Amino acid sequence: YYRNVSQNELPSIYNQCSIYFCGSYYEGFGLTGLESLICGC
């Protein structure tokens, strides 16, 4: 579990994953999903 992650740490975390899971009922732009796709998830 990660909390309050810095912008510099995010790509490393995403790059360790193969699937990004988002179960929100509402998202504005959904930036975390987009970031995960950029990192290959």
PDB file of all heavy atoms in Angstrom:
ATOM      1  N   TYR A   1       0.845  -1.182   0.000  1.00  0.00           N
ATOM      2  CA  TYR A   1       0.000   0.000   0.000  1.00  0.00           C
ATOM      3  C   TYR A   1       0.886   1.240   0.000  1.00  0.00           C
ATOM      4  O   TYR A   1       1.811   1.352   0.791  1.00  0.00           O
ATOM      5  CB  TYR A   1      -0.911  -0.004   1.238  1.00  0.00           C
ATOM      6  CG  TYR A   1      -1.742   1.237   1.379  1.00  0.00           C
ATOM      7  CD1 TYR A   1      -2.865   1.434   0.587  1.00  0.00           C
ATOM      8  CD2 TYR A   1      -1.410   2.219   2.304  1.00  0.00           C
ATOM      9  CE1 TYR A   1      -3.643   2.571   0.705  1.00  0.00           C
ATOM     10  CE2 TYR A   1      -2.181   3.360   2.434  1.00  0.00           C
ATOM     11  CZ  TYR A   1      -3.286   3.543   1.631  1.00  0.00           C
ATOM     12  OH  TYR A   1      -4.051   4.665   1.753  1.00  0.00           O
ATOM     13  N   TYR A   2       0.593   2.158  -0.924  1.00  0.00           N
ATOM     14  CA  TYR A   2       1.349   3.403  -1.009  1.00  0.00           C
ATOM     15  C   TYR A   2       0.404   4.567  -0.761  1.00  0.00           C
ATOM     16  O   TYR A   2      -0.733   4.558  -1.226  1.00  0.00           O
ATOM     17  CB  TYR A   2       1.970   3.564  -2.405  1.00  0.00           C
ATOM     18  CG  TYR A   2       2.957   2.490  -2.750  1.00  0.00           C
ATOM     19  CD1 TYR A   2       2.561   1.328  -3.400  1.00  0.00           C
ATOM     20  CD2 TYR A   2       4.300   2.636  -2.428  1.00  0.00           C
ATOM     21  CE1 TYR A   2       3.469   0.343  -3.722  1.00  0.00           C
ATOM     22  CE2 TYR A   2       5.218   1.655  -2.742  1.00  0.00           C
ATOM     23  CZ  TYR A   2       4.794   0.513  -3.393  1.00  0.00           C
ATOM     24  OH  TYR A   2       5.700  -0.464  -3.710  1.00  0.00           O
ATOM     25  N   ARG A   3       0.914   5.566  -0.066  1.00  0.00           N
ATOM     26  CA  ARG A   3       0.109   6.745   0.249  1.00  0.00           C
ATOM     27  C   ARG A   3       0.973   7.983   0.130  1.00  0.00           C
ATOM     28  O   ARG A   3       2.147   7.962   0.504  1.00  0.00           O
ATOM     29  CB  ARG A   3      -0.436   6.614   1.663  1.00  0.00           C
ATOM     30  CG  ARG A   3      -1.366   7.704   2.049  1.00  0.00           C
ATOM     31  CD  ARG A   3      -1.932   7.437   3.417  1.00  0.00           C
ATOM     32  NE  ARG A   3      -2.737   8.562   3.803  1.00  0.00           N
ATOM     33  CZ  ARG A   3      -3.471   8.605   4.868  1.00  0.00           C
ATOM     34  NH1 ARG A   3      -3.486   7.563   5.688  1.00  0.00           N
ATOM     35  NH2 ARG A   3      -4.172   9.657   5.168  1.00  0.00           N
ATOM     36  N   ASN A   4       0.406   9.055  -0.397  1.00  0.00           N
ATOM     37  CA  ASN A   4       1.121  10.329  -0.557  1.00  0.00           C
ATOM     38  C   ASN A   4       2.436  10.143  -1.311  1.00  0.00           C
ATOM     39  O   ASN A   4       3.489  10.598  -0.867  1.00  0.00           O
ATOM     40  CB  ASN A   4       1.364  11.001   0.800  1.00  0.00           C
ATOM     41  CG  ASN A   4       0.078  11.354   1.499  1.00  0.00           C
ATOM     42  OD1 ASN A   4      -0.894  11.749   0.863  1.00  0.00           O
ATOM     43  ND2 ASN A   4       0.055  11.196   2.801  1.00  0.00           N
ATOM     44  N   VAL A   5       2.354   9.480  -2.420  1.00  0.00           N
ATOM     45  CA  VAL A   5       3.532   9.182  -3.231  1.00  0.00           C
ATOM     46  C   VAL A   5       3.933  10.432  -4.016  1.00  0.00           C
ATOM     47  O   VAL A   5       3.074  11.150  -4.536  1.00  0.00           O
ATOM     48  CB  VAL A   5       3.222   8.020  -4.200  1.00  0.00           C
ATOM     49  CG1 VAL A   5       4.381   7.739  -5.108  1.00  0.00           C
ATOM     50  CG2 VAL A   5       2.841   6.780  -3.413  1.00  0.00           C
ATOM     51  N   SER A   6       5.219  10.676  -4.134  1.00  0.00           N
ATOM     52  CA  SER A   6       5.699  11.835  -4.888  1.00  0.00           C
ATOM     53  C   SER A   6       5.585  11.560  -6.388  1.00  0.00           C
ATOM     54  O   SER A   6       5.519  10.410  -6.822  1.00  0.00           O
ATOM     55  CB  SER A   6       7.151  12.143  -4.532  1.00  0.00           C
ATOM     56  OG  SER A   6       8.013  11.190  -5.124  1.00  0.00           O
ATOM     57  N   GLN A   7       5.583  12.625  -7.188  1.00  0.00           N
ATOM     58  CA  GLN A   7       5.525  12.488  -8.643  1.00  0.00           C
ATOM     59  C   GLN A   7       6.703  11.676  -9.166  1.00  0.00           C
ATOM     60  O   GLN A   7       6.575  10.947 -10.149  1.00  0.00           O
ATOM     61  CB  GLN A   7       5.519  13.875  -9.313  1.00  0.00           C
ATOM     62  CG  GLN A   7       4.242  14.634  -9.110  1.00  0.00           C
ATOM     63  CD  GLN A   7       3.081  14.046  -9.899  1.00  0.00           C
ATOM     64  OE1 GLN A   7       3.213  13.086 -10.645  1.00  0.00           O
ATOM     65  NE2 GLN A   7       1.910  14.623  -9.733  1.00  0.00           N
ATOM     66  N   ASN A   8       7.848  11.781  -8.533  1.00  0.00           N
ATOM     67  CA  ASN A   8       9.034  11.037  -8.971  1.00  0.00           C
ATOM     68  C   ASN A   8       8.910   9.540  -8.714  1.00  0.00           C
ATOM     69  O   ASN A   8       9.511   8.735  -9.424  1.00  0.00           O
ATOM     70  CB  ASN A   8      10.287  11.572  -8.285  1.00  0.00           C
ATOM     71  CG  ASN A   8      10.623  12.979  -8.738  1.00  0.00           C
ATOM     72  OD1 ASN A   8      10.274  13.387  -9.835  1.00  0.00           O
ATOM     73  ND2 ASN A   8      11.296  13.725  -7.890  1.00  0.00           N
ATOM     74  N   GLU A   9       8.147   9.153  -7.703  1.00  0.00           N
ATOM     75  CA  GLU A   9       7.995   7.738  -7.355  1.00  0.00           C
ATOM     76  C   GLU A   9       6.933   7.014  -8.205  1.00  0.00           C
ATOM     77  O   GLU A   9       6.986   5.799  -8.361  1.00  0.00           O
ATOM     78  CB  GLU A   9       7.600   7.592  -5.885  1.00  0.00           C
ATOM     79  CG  GLU A   9       8.663   8.041  -4.909  1.00  0.00           C
ATOM     80  CD  GLU A   9       8.145   8.034  -3.478  1.00  0.00           C
ATOM     81  OE1 GLU A   9       7.287   8.878  -3.151  1.00  0.00           O
ATOM     82  OE2 GLU A   9       8.603   7.166  -2.706  1.00  0.00           O
ATOM     83  N   LEU A  10       5.972   7.781  -8.730  1.00  0.00           N
ATOM     84  CA  LEU A  10       4.846   7.165  -9.443  1.00  0.00           C
ATOM     85  C   LEU A  10       5.243   6.262 -10.608  1.00  0.00           C
ATOM     86  O   LEU A  10       4.772   5.117 -10.670  1.00  0.00           O
ATOM     87  CB  LEU A  10       3.881   8.242  -9.946  1.00  0.00           C
ATOM     88  CG  LEU A  10       2.872   8.746  -8.937  1.00  0.00           C
ATOM     89  CD1 LEU A  10       2.053   9.880  -9.537  1.00  0.00           C
ATOM     90  CD2 LEU A  10       1.968   7.634  -8.464  1.00  0.00           C
ATOM     91  N   PRO A  11       6.085   6.719 -11.540  1.00  0.00           N
ATOM     92  CA  PRO A  11       6.406   5.835 -12.664  1.00  0.00           C
ATOM     93  C   PRO A  11       7.003   4.501 -12.233  1.00  0.00           C
ATOM     94  O   PRO A  11       6.676   3.454 -12.798  1.00  0.00           O
ATOM     95  CB  PRO A  11       7.416   6.648 -13.482  1.00  0.00           C
ATOM     96  CG  PRO A  11       7.136   8.065 -13.136  1.00  0.00           C
ATOM     97  CD  PRO A  11       6.696   8.036 -11.694  1.00  0.00           C
ATOM     98  N   SER A  12       7.823   4.517 -11.213  1.00  0.00           N
ATOM     99  CA  SER A  12       8.430   3.286 -10.726  1.00  0.00           C
ATOM    100  C   SER A  12       7.366   2.314 -10.199  1.00  0.00           C
ATOM    101  O   SER A  12       7.426   1.113 -10.457  1.00  0.00           O
ATOM    102  CB  SER A  12       9.447   3.605  -9.637  1.00  0.00           C
ATOM    103  OG  SER A  12       9.923   2.429  -9.048  1.00  0.00           O
ATOM    104  N   ILE A  13       6.392   2.847  -9.504  1.00  0.00           N
ATOM    105  CA  ILE A  13       5.316   2.002  -8.961  1.00  0.00           C
ATOM    106  C   ILE A  13       4.470   1.433 -10.096  1.00  0.00           C
ATOM    107  O   ILE A  13       4.192   0.233 -10.141  1.00  0.00           O
ATOM    108  CB  ILE A  13       4.449   2.789  -7.964  1.00  0.00           C
ATOM    109  CG1 ILE A  13       5.290   3.153  -6.729  1.00  0.00           C
ATOM    110  CG2 ILE A  13       3.210   1.994  -7.559  1.00  0.00           C
ATOM    111  CD1 ILE A  13       4.632   4.149  -5.804  1.00  0.00           C
ATOM    112  N   TYR A  14       4.060   2.300 -11.033  1.00  0.00           N
ATOM    113  CA  TYR A  14       3.264   1.820 -12.172  1.00  0.00           C
ATOM    114  C   TYR A  14       4.032   0.778 -12.981  1.00  0.00           C
ATOM    115  O   TYR A  14       3.460  -0.201 -13.449  1.00  0.00           O
ATOM    116  CB  TYR A  14       2.896   2.970 -13.110  1.00  0.00           C
ATOM    117  CG  TYR A  14       1.821   3.904 -12.599  1.00  0.00           C
ATOM    118  CD1 TYR A  14       2.013   5.276 -12.617  1.00  0.00           C
ATOM    119  CD2 TYR A  14       0.594   3.433 -12.146  1.00  0.00           C
ATOM    120  CE1 TYR A  14       1.026   6.156 -12.187  1.00  0.00           C
ATOM    121  CE2 TYR A  14      -0.399   4.290 -11.709  1.00  0.00           C
ATOM    122  CZ  TYR A  14      -0.175   5.648 -11.732  1.00  0.00           C
ATOM    123  OH  TYR A  14      -1.155   6.504 -11.312  1.00  0.00           O
ATOM    124  N   ASN A  15       5.326   0.988 -13.160  1.00  0.00           N
ATOM    125  CA  ASN A  15       6.125   0.070 -13.974  1.00  0.00           C
ATOM    126  C   ASN A  15       6.299  -1.300 -13.331  1.00  0.00           C
ATOM    127  O   ASN A  15       6.692  -2.251 -14.006  1.00  0.00           O
ATOM    128  CB  ASN A  15       7.489   0.686 -14.298  1.00  0.00           C
ATOM    129  CG  ASN A  15       7.383   1.754 -15.369  1.00  0.00           C
ATOM    130  OD1 ASN A  15       6.573   1.658 -16.278  1.00  0.00           O
ATOM    131  ND2 ASN A  15       8.201   2.777 -15.255  1.00  0.00           N
ATOM    132  N   GLN A  16       5.999  -1.436 -12.059  1.00  0.00           N
ATOM    133  CA  GLN A  16       6.062  -2.732 -11.383  1.00  0.00           C
ATOM    134  C   GLN A  16       4.765  -3.526 -11.579  1.00  0.00           C
ATOM    135  O   GLN A  16       4.689  -4.695 -11.210  1.00  0.00           O
ATOM    136  CB  GLN A  16       6.292  -2.534  -9.883  1.00  0.00           C
ATOM    137  CG  GLN A  16       7.643  -1.954  -9.541  1.00  0.00           C
ATOM    138  CD  GLN A  16       7.772  -1.703  -8.045  1.00  0.00           C
ATOM    139  OE1 GLN A  16       7.364  -2.528  -7.236  1.00  0.00           O
ATOM    140  NE2 GLN A  16       8.315  -0.554  -7.694  1.00  0.00           N
ATOM    141  N   CYS A  17       3.763  -2.889 -12.166  1.00  0.00           N
ATOM    142  CA  CYS A  17       2.440  -3.502 -12.308  1.00  0.00           C
ATOM    143  C   CYS A  17       2.156  -3.861 -13.760  1.00  0.00           C
ATOM    144  O   CYS A  17       2.664  -3.231 -14.674  1.00  0.00           O
ATOM    145  CB  CYS A  17       1.361  -2.531 -11.833  1.00  0.00           C
ATOM    146  SG  CYS A  17       1.597  -1.979 -10.133  1.00  0.00           S
ATOM    147  N   SER A  18       1.325  -4.859 -13.962  1.00  0.00           N
ATOM    148  CA  SER A  18       0.900  -5.187 -15.325  1.00  0.00           C
ATOM    149  C   SER A  18      -0.570  -4.823 -15.543  1.00  0.00           C
ATOM    150  O   SER A  18      -1.008  -4.667 -16.670  1.00  0.00           O
ATOM    151  CB  SER A  18       1.133  -6.663 -15.627  1.00  0.00           C
ATOM    152  OG  SER A  18       0.379  -7.472 -14.759  1.00  0.00           O
ATOM    153  N   ILE A  19      -1.332  -4.676 -14.455  1.00  0.00           N
ATOM    154  CA  ILE A  19      -2.740  -4.297 -14.532  1.00  0.00           C
ATOM    155  C   ILE A  19      -2.995  -3.168 -13.545  1.00  0.00           C
ATOM    156  O   ILE A  19      -2.551  -3.228 -12.398  1.00  0.00           O
ATOM    157  CB  ILE A  19      -3.670  -5.492 -14.188  1.00  0.00           C
ATOM    158  CG1 ILE A  19      -3.451  -6.643 -15.160  1.00  0.00           C
ATOM    159  CG2 ILE A  19      -5.135  -5.051 -14.168  1.00  0.00           C
ATOM    160  CD1 ILE A  19      -4.179  -7.927 -14.767  1.00  0.00           C
ATOM    161  N   TYR A  20      -3.728  -2.158 -14.007  1.00  0.00           N
ATOM    162  CA  TYR A  20      -4.162  -1.087 -13.101  1.00  0.00           C
ATOM    163  C   TYR A  20      -5.671  -1.238 -12.934  1.00  0.00           C
ATOM    164  O   TYR A  20      -6.416  -1.317 -13.906  1.00  0.00           O
ATOM    165  CB  TYR A  20      -3.822   0.290 -13.667  1.00  0.00           C
ATOM    166  CG  TYR A  20      -4.169   1.398 -12.700  1.00  0.00           C
ATOM    167  CD1 TYR A  20      -3.343   1.670 -11.623  1.00  0.00           C
ATOM    168  CD2 TYR A  20      -5.322   2.141 -12.861  1.00  0.00           C
ATOM    169  CE1 TYR A  20      -3.658   2.664 -10.719  1.00  0.00           C
ATOM    170  CE2 TYR A  20      -5.651   3.138 -11.957  1.00  0.00           C
ATOM    171  CZ  TYR A  20      -4.821   3.400 -10.893  1.00  0.00           C
ATOM    172  OH  TYR A  20      -5.140   4.392  -9.991  1.00  0.00           O
ATOM    173  N   PHE A  21      -6.109  -1.278 -11.688  1.00  0.00           N
ATOM    174  CA  PHE A  21      -7.504  -1.523 -11.343  1.00  0.00           C
ATOM    175  C   PHE A  21      -8.098  -0.272 -10.714  1.00  0.00           C
ATOM    176  O   PHE A  21      -7.574   0.234  -9.729  1.00  0.00           O
ATOM    177  CB  PHE A  21      -7.560  -2.702 -10.355  1.00  0.00           C
ATOM    178  CG  PHE A  21      -8.936  -3.088  -9.933  1.00  0.00           C
ATOM    179  CD1 PHE A  21      -9.704  -3.921 -10.726  1.00  0.00           C
ATOM    180  CD2 PHE A  21      -9.444  -2.656  -8.728  1.00  0.00           C
ATOM    181  CE1 PHE A  21     -10.969  -4.299 -10.332  1.00  0.00           C
ATOM    182  CE2 PHE A  21     -10.708  -3.034  -8.319  1.00  0.00           C
ATOM    183  CZ  PHE A  21     -11.469  -3.861  -9.114  1.00  0.00           C
ATOM    184  N   CYS A  22      -9.184   0.223 -11.289  1.00  0.00           N
ATOM    185  CA  CYS A  22      -9.839   1.425 -10.771  1.00  0.00           C
ATOM    186  C   CYS A  22     -11.328   1.143 -10.613  1.00  0.00           C
ATOM    187  O   CYS A  22     -12.025   0.933 -11.599  1.00  0.00           O
ATOM    188  CB  CYS A  22      -9.610   2.601 -11.718  1.00  0.00           C
ATOM    189  SG  CYS A  22     -10.403   4.121 -11.155  1.00  0.00           S
ATOM    190  N   GLY A  23     -11.800   1.142  -9.392  1.00  0.00           N
ATOM    191  CA  GLY A  23     -13.199   0.819  -9.116  1.00  0.00           C
ATOM    192  C   GLY A  23     -14.016   2.013  -8.652  1.00  0.00           C
ATOM    193  O   GLY A  23     -14.917   1.860  -7.836  1.00  0.00           O
ATOM    194  N   SER A  24     -13.736   3.193  -9.192  1.00  0.00           N
ATOM    195  CA  SER A  24     -14.437   4.409  -8.766  1.00  0.00           C
ATOM    196  C   SER A  24     -15.873   4.461  -9.277  1.00  0.00           C
ATOM    197  O   SER A  24     -16.173   3.966 -10.364  1.00  0.00           O
ATOM    198  CB  SER A  24     -13.716   5.651  -9.293  1.00  0.00           C
ATOM    199  OG  SER A  24     -12.443   5.765  -8.733  1.00  0.00           O
ATOM    200  N   TYR A  25     -16.718   5.101  -8.500  1.00  0.00           N
ATOM    201  CA  TYR A  25     -18.072   5.375  -8.966  1.00  0.00           C
ATOM    202  C   TYR A  25     -18.092   6.625  -9.827  1.00  0.00           C
ATOM    203  O   TYR A  25     -18.948   6.790 -10.683  1.00  0.00           O
ATOM    204  CB  TYR A  25     -19.029   5.564  -7.783  1.00  0.00           C
ATOM    205  CG  TYR A  25     -19.330   4.264  -7.085  1.00  0.00           C
ATOM    206  CD1 TYR A  25     -18.694   3.932  -5.904  1.00  0.00           C
ATOM    207  CD2 TYR A  25     -20.242   3.366  -7.633  1.00  0.00           C
ATOM    208  CE1 TYR A  25     -18.961   2.727  -5.278  1.00  0.00           C
ATOM    209  CE2 TYR A  25     -20.516   2.164  -7.010  1.00  0.00           C
ATOM    210  CZ  TYR A  25     -19.865   1.856  -5.829  1.00  0.00           C
ATOM    211  OH  TYR A  25     -20.124   0.669  -5.221  1.00  0.00           O
ATOM    212  N   TYR A  26     -17.133   7.520  -9.608  1.00  0.00           N
ATOM    213  CA  TYR A  26     -17.035   8.760 -10.373  1.00  0.00           C
ATOM    214  C   TYR A  26     -15.574   9.166 -10.470  1.00  0.00           C
ATOM    215  O   TYR A  26     -14.839   9.081  -9.490  1.00  0.00           O
ATOM    216  CB  TYR A  26     -17.836   9.881  -9.682  1.00  0.00           C
ATOM    217  CG  TYR A  26     -17.661  11.198 -10.372  1.00  0.00           C
ATOM    218  CD1 TYR A  26     -18.412  11.511 -11.502  1.00  0.00           C
ATOM    219  CD2 TYR A  26     -16.738  12.131  -9.916  1.00  0.00           C
ATOM    220  CE1 TYR A  26     -18.241  12.710 -12.160  1.00  0.00           C
ATOM    221  CE2 TYR A  26     -16.568  13.337 -10.566  1.00  0.00           C
ATOM    222  CZ  TYR A  26     -17.324  13.628 -11.684  1.00  0.00           C
ATOM    223  OH  TYR A  26     -17.138  14.814 -12.328  1.00  0.00           O
ATOM    224  N   GLU A  27     -15.156   9.581 -11.645  1.00  0.00           N
ATOM    225  CA  GLU A  27     -13.813  10.125 -11.861  1.00  0.00           C
ATOM    226  C   GLU A  27     -13.959  11.368 -12.704  1.00  0.00           C
ATOM    227  O   GLU A  27     -14.706  11.366 -13.677  1.00  0.00           O
ATOM    228  CB  GLU A  27     -12.922   9.128 -12.620  1.00  0.00           C
ATOM    229  CG  GLU A  27     -12.417   7.973 -11.812  1.00  0.00           C
ATOM    230  CD  GLU A  27     -11.254   8.319 -10.906  1.00  0.00           C
ATOM    231  OE1 GLU A  27     -10.509   9.280 -11.197  1.00  0.00           O
ATOM    232  OE2 GLU A  27     -11.105   7.633  -9.887  1.00  0.00           O
ATOM    233  N   GLY A  28     -13.233  12.406 -12.350  1.00  0.00           N
ATOM    234  CA  GLY A  28     -13.210  13.600 -13.184  1.00  0.00           C
ATOM    235  C   GLY A  28     -12.541  13.259 -14.494  1.00  0.00           C
ATOM    236  O   GLY A  28     -13.168  12.808 -15.447  1.00  0.00           O
ATOM    237  N   PHE A  29     -11.242  13.394 -14.569  1.00  0.00           N
ATOM    238  CA  PHE A  29     -10.505  13.024 -15.776  1.00  0.00           C
ATOM    239  C   PHE A  29      -9.953  11.614 -15.670  1.00  0.00           C
ATOM    240  O   PHE A  29      -9.754  10.951 -16.657  1.00  0.00           O
ATOM    241  CB  PHE A  29      -9.366  14.018 -16.044  1.00  0.00           C
ATOM    242  CG  PHE A  29      -8.543  13.643 -17.247  1.00  0.00           C
ATOM    243  CD1 PHE A  29      -9.091  13.677 -18.518  1.00  0.00           C
ATOM    244  CD2 PHE A  29      -7.241  13.217 -17.108  1.00  0.00           C
ATOM    245  CE1 PHE A  29      -8.347  13.309 -19.632  1.00  0.00           C
ATOM    246  CE2 PHE A  29      -6.482  12.853 -18.211  1.00  0.00           C
ATOM    247  CZ  PHE A  29      -7.040  12.905 -19.473  1.00  0.00           C
ATOM    248  N   GLY A  30      -9.705  11.117 -14.501  1.00  0.00           N
ATOM    249  CA  GLY A  30      -9.156   9.767 -14.348  1.00  0.00           C
ATOM    250  C   GLY A  30      -7.674   9.715 -14.670  1.00  0.00           C
ATOM    251  O   GLY A  30      -7.215   8.845 -15.402  1.00  0.00           O
ATOM    252  N   LEU A  31      -6.931  10.662 -14.127  1.00  0.00           N
ATOM    253  CA  LEU A  31      -5.511  10.793 -14.431  1.00  0.00           C
ATOM    254  C   LEU A  31      -4.706   9.551 -14.076  1.00  0.00           C
ATOM    255  O   LEU A  31      -3.821   9.150 -14.829  1.00  0.00           O
ATOM    256  CB  LEU A  31      -4.933  12.019 -13.719  1.00  0.00           C
ATOM    257  CG  LEU A  31      -3.474  12.332 -13.994  1.00  0.00           C
ATOM    258  CD1 LEU A  31      -3.240  12.581 -15.479  1.00  0.00           C
ATOM    259  CD2 LEU A  31      -3.028  13.533 -13.177  1.00  0.00           C
ATOM    260  N   THR A  32      -5.016   8.893 -12.976  1.00  0.00           N
ATOM    261  CA  THR A  32      -4.217   7.724 -12.580  1.00  0.00           C
ATOM    262  C   THR A  32      -4.333   6.595 -13.601  1.00  0.00           C
ATOM    263  O   THR A  32      -3.362   5.896 -13.867  1.00  0.00           O
ATOM    264  CB  THR A  32      -4.607   7.214 -11.181  1.00  0.00           C
ATOM    265  OG1 THR A  32      -6.005   6.912 -11.177  1.00  0.00           O
ATOM    266  CG2 THR A  32      -4.288   8.245 -10.115  1.00  0.00           C
ATOM    267  N   GLY A  33      -5.509   6.423 -14.186  1.00  0.00           N
ATOM    268  CA  GLY A  33      -5.663   5.419 -15.234  1.00  0.00           C
ATOM    269  C   GLY A  33      -4.810   5.747 -16.446  1.00  0.00           C
ATOM    270  O   GLY A  33      -4.138   4.884 -17.007  1.00  0.00           O
ATOM    271  N   LEU A  34      -4.809   7.006 -16.846  1.00  0.00           N
ATOM    272  CA  LEU A  34      -4.000   7.451 -17.972  1.00  0.00           C
ATOM    273  C   LEU A  34      -2.513   7.262 -17.673  1.00  0.00           C
ATOM    274  O   LEU A  34      -1.762   6.756 -18.512  1.00  0.00           O
ATOM    275  CB  LEU A  34      -4.296   8.919 -18.298  1.00  0.00           C
ATOM    276  CG  LEU A  34      -3.565   9.519 -19.477  1.00  0.00           C
ATOM    277  CD1 LEU A  34      -3.907   8.786 -20.764  1.00  0.00           C
ATOM    278  CD2 LEU A  34      -3.914  10.998 -19.597  1.00  0.00           C
ATOM    279  N   GLU A  35      -2.098   7.627 -16.479  1.00  0.00           N
ATOM    280  CA  GLU A  35      -0.694   7.445 -16.092  1.00  0.00           C
ATOM    281  C   GLU A  35      -0.298   5.974 -16.149  1.00  0.00           C
ATOM    282  O   GLU A  35       0.792   5.632 -16.605  1.00  0.00           O
ATOM    283  CB  GLU A  35      -0.459   7.990 -14.675  1.00  0.00           C
ATOM    284  CG  GLU A  35      -0.544   9.479 -14.567  1.00  0.00           C
ATOM    285  CD  GLU A  35      -0.532   9.971 -13.126  1.00  0.00           C
ATOM    286  OE1 GLU A  35      -0.818   9.198 -12.196  1.00  0.00           O
ATOM    287  OE2 GLU A  35      -0.257  11.160 -12.938  1.00  0.00           O
ATOM    288  N   SER A  36      -1.191   5.104 -15.704  1.00  0.00           N
ATOM    289  CA  SER A  36      -0.874   3.670 -15.714  1.00  0.00           C
ATOM    290  C   SER A  36      -0.706   3.154 -17.143  1.00  0.00           C
ATOM    291  O   SER A  36       0.164   2.332 -17.411  1.00  0.00           O
ATOM    292  CB  SER A  36      -1.945   2.874 -14.970  1.00  0.00           C
ATOM    293  OG  SER A  36      -3.138   2.783 -15.716  1.00  0.00           O
ATOM    294  N   LEU A  37      -1.537   3.656 -18.070  1.00  0.00           N
ATOM    295  CA  LEU A  37      -1.423   3.239 -19.464  1.00  0.00           C
ATOM    296  C   LEU A  37      -0.103   3.696 -20.068  1.00  0.00           C
ATOM    297  O   LEU A  37       0.531   2.960 -20.826  1.00  0.00           O
ATOM    298  CB  LEU A  37      -2.584   3.793 -20.290  1.00  0.00           C
ATOM    299  CG  LEU A  37      -3.981   3.304 -19.923  1.00  0.00           C
ATOM    300  CD1 LEU A  37      -5.022   3.906 -20.853  1.00  0.00           C
ATOM    301  CD2 LEU A  37      -4.065   1.790 -19.921  1.00  0.00           C
ATOM    302  N   ILE A  38       0.318   4.895 -19.732  1.00  0.00           N
ATOM    303  CA  ILE A  38       1.591   5.422 -20.216  1.00  0.00           C
ATOM    304  C   ILE A  38       2.739   4.517 -19.771  1.00  0.00           C
ATOM    305  O   ILE A  38       3.709   4.321 -20.494  1.00  0.00           O
ATOM    306  CB  ILE A  38       1.810   6.867 -19.731  1.00  0.00           C
ATOM    307  CG1 ILE A  38       0.825   7.798 -20.436  1.00  0.00           C
ATOM    308  CG2 ILE A  38       3.238   7.327 -19.959  1.00  0.00           C
ATOM    309  CD1 ILE A  38       0.739   9.187 -19.843  1.00  0.00           C
ATOM    310  N   CYS A  39       2.600   3.921 -18.599  1.00  0.00           N
ATOM    311  CA  CYS A  39       3.644   3.047 -18.052  1.00  0.00           C
ATOM    312  C   CYS A  39       3.471   1.584 -18.475  1.00  0.00           C
ATOM    313  O   CYS A  39       4.195   0.715 -18.001  1.00  0.00           O
ATOM    314  CB  CYS A  39       3.673   3.167 -16.535  1.00  0.00           C
ATOM    315  SG  CYS A  39       4.263   4.779 -15.968  1.00  0.00           S
ATOM    316  N   GLY A  40       2.515   1.304 -19.361  1.00  0.00           N
ATOM    317  CA  GLY A  40       2.396  -0.046 -19.916  1.00  0.00           C
ATOM    318  C   GLY A  40       1.429  -0.982 -19.227  1.00  0.00           C
ATOM    319  O   GLY A  40       1.414  -2.179 -19.524  1.00  0.00           O
ATOM    320  N   CYS A  41       0.617  -0.476 -18.327  1.00  0.00           N
ATOM    321  CA  CYS A  41      -0.359  -1.336 -17.651  1.00  0.00           C
ATOM    322  C   CYS A  41      -1.583  -1.563 -18.529  1.00  0.00           C
ATOM    323  O   CYS A  41      -1.936  -0.724 -19.351  1.00  0.00           O
ATOM    324  CB  CYS A  41      -0.829  -0.677 -16.350  1.00  0.00           C
ATOM    325  SG  CYS A  41       0.438  -0.456 -15.108  1.00  0.00           S
TER     326      CYS A  41
END
